[in-house]
Amino acid sequence: MQNLDNPTLTTDDIALMKKVVSICDILETHWDQIARFCEQAPSTLAHGGFQPKNIHILYDQNEIILFPVDWEMAGWGVPAADLATDHRFPTPLVDLTVYHSMVKNHWPNLNFSTLEKLAGVGRVFCQVAAIDWASMSLDYPWTEKAITSLDIYHEGLSESIQAKPWAR
């Protein structure tokens, strides 16, 4: 484990970091199942950071135009992360009912239950990405925000793994 020698880390901080590694180890034991579940979804352009701060909306007289920005996490793959619910927002960012109605002609084997599971897997992906992002700040003397974030993401990842959306 990196950063354990950072003098600003407390014993509790180090214990939390070990818990984060432990939950990631548990996730790794399920990775083959997650990969198999994701194989049933078609690959598409996935934004990877779909959240309010990365969305601009233009209201025209005749239409509403959505402009997603900040494409640094974008890639080709399953749309799971873009469908994920986020505990920071009171309502889902993507209405799965609307999404299902838009993609069902192009993804004929998709049922709503599978779409909900895919969103759950997306939450796992988002939590792992958030842990990675927060851990980058542990190289520096100001670790308080990173540790607070890691605690939140650890809890979210633990809940997501316990739900096992790929296996329901």
Foldseek 3Di string as FASTA:
>chain_A
DPLPPQVLDDPVLVVLVVLLVVLVVVVVVCVVLLVVLQVLAAKDWEQLDDDDVQWDWDDDPVDIDIDGHDSPVIDIGGRQLVQAADPVDPDRSDDLVVVCVVCCVVNVVDDSLSSVLSNLVSQLVNLVVQLVVLVVVSVDSPNPVSSVSSVVSSVSNVVSVVVNSSPD
